Amino acid sequence: MINRRGRAVLFVGIGLVVMMLLFPPWNGYNPSSIRPPVEVFWGYYFIFSPPPDASMIDGCLLLSQLFAVLLGTAVLAKWLNRSKR
């Protein structure tokens, strides 16, 4: 059974994952660069209103962020839920 603090950590972790999926990182090509086009980080935008120009979600960065949050949440929840002897 998960105690109160562990449950709070899980809810915060789930909230962070939802926010990361709603506001993913976007990459695109710099329109001001002449040759060759340079890929730049556009920032975090809402999933249904991406930044202007031909942009794409940075899947590698999103997966690494998801992994870090899930790992941190699991470790912290397990640590907070340990039994005191």
C-alpha atoms as a PDB file:
ATOM      1  CA  MET A   1       0.000   0.000   0.000  1.00  0.00           C
ATOM      2  CA  ILE A   2       1.267   3.442  -0.906  1.00  0.00           C
ATOM      3  CA  ASN A   3       1.368   5.994   1.887  1.00  0.00           C
ATOM      4  CA  ARG A   4       0.250   9.613   1.609  1.00  0.00           C
ATOM      5  CA  ARG A   5       3.612  11.090   0.618  1.00  0.00           C
ATOM      6  CA  GLY A   6       4.223   8.391  -1.987  1.00  0.00           C
ATOM      7  CA  ARG A   7       0.792   9.005  -3.477  1.00  0.00           C
ATOM      8  CA  ALA A   8       1.495  12.755  -3.661  1.00  0.00           C
ATOM      9  CA  VAL A   9       4.763  12.074  -5.491  1.00  0.00           C
ATOM     10  CA  LEU A  10       2.955   9.820  -7.966  1.00  0.00           C
ATOM     11  CA  PHE A  11       0.312  12.479  -8.649  1.00  0.00           C
ATOM     12  CA  VAL A  12       2.989  15.122  -9.229  1.00  0.00           C
ATOM     13  CA  GLY A  13       4.841  12.740 -11.563  1.00  0.00           C
ATOM     14  CA  ILE A  14       1.667  12.013 -13.530  1.00  0.00           C
ATOM     15  CA  GLY A  15       0.967  15.745 -13.757  1.00  0.00           C
ATOM     16  CA  LEU A  16       4.461  16.395 -15.101  1.00  0.00           C
ATOM     17  CA  VAL A  17       4.092  13.659 -17.726  1.00  0.00           C
ATOM     18  CA  VAL A  18       0.737  15.087 -18.856  1.00  0.00           C
ATOM     19  CA  MET A  19       2.231  18.590 -19.112  1.00  0.00           C
ATOM     20  CA  MET A  20       5.204  17.283 -21.095  1.00  0.00           C
ATOM     21  CA  LEU A  21       2.874  15.534 -23.528  1.00  0.00           C
ATOM     22  CA  LEU A  22       0.668  18.633 -23.903  1.00  0.00           C
ATOM     23  CA  PHE A  23       3.653  20.968 -24.369  1.00  0.00           C
ATOM     24  CA  PRO A  24       6.352  18.981 -26.208  1.00  0.00           C
ATOM     25  CA  PRO A  25       9.717  20.395 -27.341  1.00  0.00           C
ATOM     26  CA  TRP A  26       9.759  21.610 -30.970  1.00  0.00           C
ATOM     27  CA  ASN A  27      12.600  21.841 -33.476  1.00  0.00           C
ATOM     28  CA  GLY A  28      12.617  23.622 -36.798  1.00  0.00           C
ATOM     29  CA  TYR A  29      14.929  25.167 -39.346  1.00  0.00           C
ATOM     30  CA  ASN A  30      16.172  28.704 -38.948  1.00  0.00           C
ATOM     31  CA  PRO A  31      14.598  30.714 -41.788  1.00  0.00           C
ATOM     32  CA  SER A  32      17.327  33.368 -41.637  1.00  0.00           C
ATOM     33  CA  SER A  33      20.192  30.990 -42.307  1.00  0.00           C
ATOM     34  CA  ILE A  34      21.272  31.004 -45.932  1.00  0.00           C
ATOM     35  CA  ARG A  35      23.153  27.733 -46.434  1.00  0.00           C
ATOM     36  CA  PRO A  36      22.939  25.100 -45.106  1.00  0.00           C
ATOM     37  CA  PRO A  37      19.707  25.330 -43.119  1.00  0.00           C
ATOM     38  CA  VAL A  38      20.416  25.061 -39.417  1.00  0.00           C
ATOM     39  CA  GLU A  39      18.124  23.095 -37.130  1.00  0.00           C
ATOM     40  CA  VAL A  40      17.228  25.132 -34.046  1.00  0.00           C
ATOM     41  CA  PHE A  41      15.256  24.551 -30.871  1.00  0.00           C
ATOM     42  CA  TRP A  42      11.951  26.487 -31.059  1.00  0.00           C
ATOM     43  CA  GLY A  43      10.880  25.863 -27.489  1.00  0.00           C
ATOM     44  CA  TYR A  44       7.829  24.317 -25.871  1.00  0.00           C
ATOM     45  CA  TYR A  45       4.450  24.892 -27.536  1.00  0.00           C
ATOM     46  CA  PHE A  46       0.974  23.466 -27.079  1.00  0.00           C
ATOM     47  CA  ILE A  47       0.596  20.257 -29.093  1.00  0.00           C
ATOM     48  CA  PHE A  48      -2.336  21.604 -31.155  1.00  0.00           C
ATOM     49  CA  SER A  49      -0.753  24.982 -31.959  1.00  0.00           C
ATOM     50  CA  PRO A  50       2.839  24.332 -33.068  1.00  0.00           C
ATOM     51  CA  PRO A  51       5.312  27.123 -33.758  1.00  0.00           C
ATOM     52  CA  PRO A  52       5.358  28.755 -37.192  1.00  0.00           C
ATOM     53  CA  ASP A  53       7.274  27.344 -40.151  1.00  0.00           C
ATOM     54  CA  ALA A  54       7.992  23.665 -40.720  1.00  0.00           C
ATOM     55  CA  SER A  55       8.470  22.424 -37.170  1.00  0.00           C
ATOM     56  CA  MET A  56       8.615  18.956 -35.690  1.00  0.00           C
ATOM     57  CA  ILE A  57       8.508  17.522 -32.208  1.00  0.00           C
ATOM     58  CA  ASP A  58      11.943  16.694 -30.843  1.00  0.00           C
ATOM     59  CA  GLY A  59      11.244  13.051 -30.022  1.00  0.00           C
ATOM     60  CA  CYS A  60      14.659  12.336 -28.537  1.00  0.00           C
ATOM     61  CA  LEU A  61      14.415  15.205 -26.050  1.00  0.00           C
ATOM     62  CA  LEU A  62      10.808  14.325 -25.182  1.00  0.00           C
ATOM     63  CA  LEU A  63      11.670  10.672 -24.532  1.00  0.00           C
ATOM     64  CA  SER A  64      14.666  11.580 -22.390  1.00  0.00           C
ATOM     65  CA  GLN A  65      12.519  13.987 -20.346  1.00  0.00           C
ATOM     66  CA  LEU A  66       9.813  11.359 -19.905  1.00  0.00           C
ATOM     67  CA  PHE A  67      12.397   8.780 -18.841  1.00  0.00           C
ATOM     68  CA  ALA A  68      13.948  11.169 -16.304  1.00  0.00           C
ATOM     69  CA  VAL A  69      10.579  12.089 -14.765  1.00  0.00           C
ATOM     70  CA  LEU A  70       9.358   8.487 -14.631  1.00  0.00           C
ATOM     71  CA  LEU A  71      12.613   7.263 -13.104  1.00  0.00           C
ATOM     72  CA  GLY A  72      12.737  10.092 -10.572  1.00  0.00           C
ATOM     73  CA  THR A  73       9.097   9.598  -9.632  1.00  0.00           C
ATOM     74  CA  ALA A  74       9.515   5.847  -9.188  1.00  0.00           C
ATOM     75  CA  VAL A  75      12.677   6.181  -7.082  1.00  0.00           C
ATOM     76  CA  LEU A  76      11.249   8.952  -4.901  1.00  0.00           C
ATOM     77  CA  ALA A  77       7.917   7.160  -4.395  1.00  0.00           C
ATOM     78  CA  LYS A  78       9.718   3.928  -3.455  1.00  0.00           C
ATOM     79  CA  TRP A  79      12.045   5.795  -1.074  1.00  0.00           C
ATOM     80  CA  LEU A  80       9.154   7.610   0.611  1.00  0.00           C
ATOM     81  CA  ASN A  81       7.118   4.401   0.873  1.00  0.00           C
ATOM     82  CA  ARG A  82       9.821   2.353   2.596  1.00  0.00           C
ATOM     83  CA  SER A  83       8.937   0.905   5.947  1.00  0.00           C
ATOM     84  CA  LYS A  84      10.758   2.210   8.983  1.00  0.00           C
ATOM     85  CA  ARG A  85      12.191  -0.548  11.156  1.00  0.00           C
END
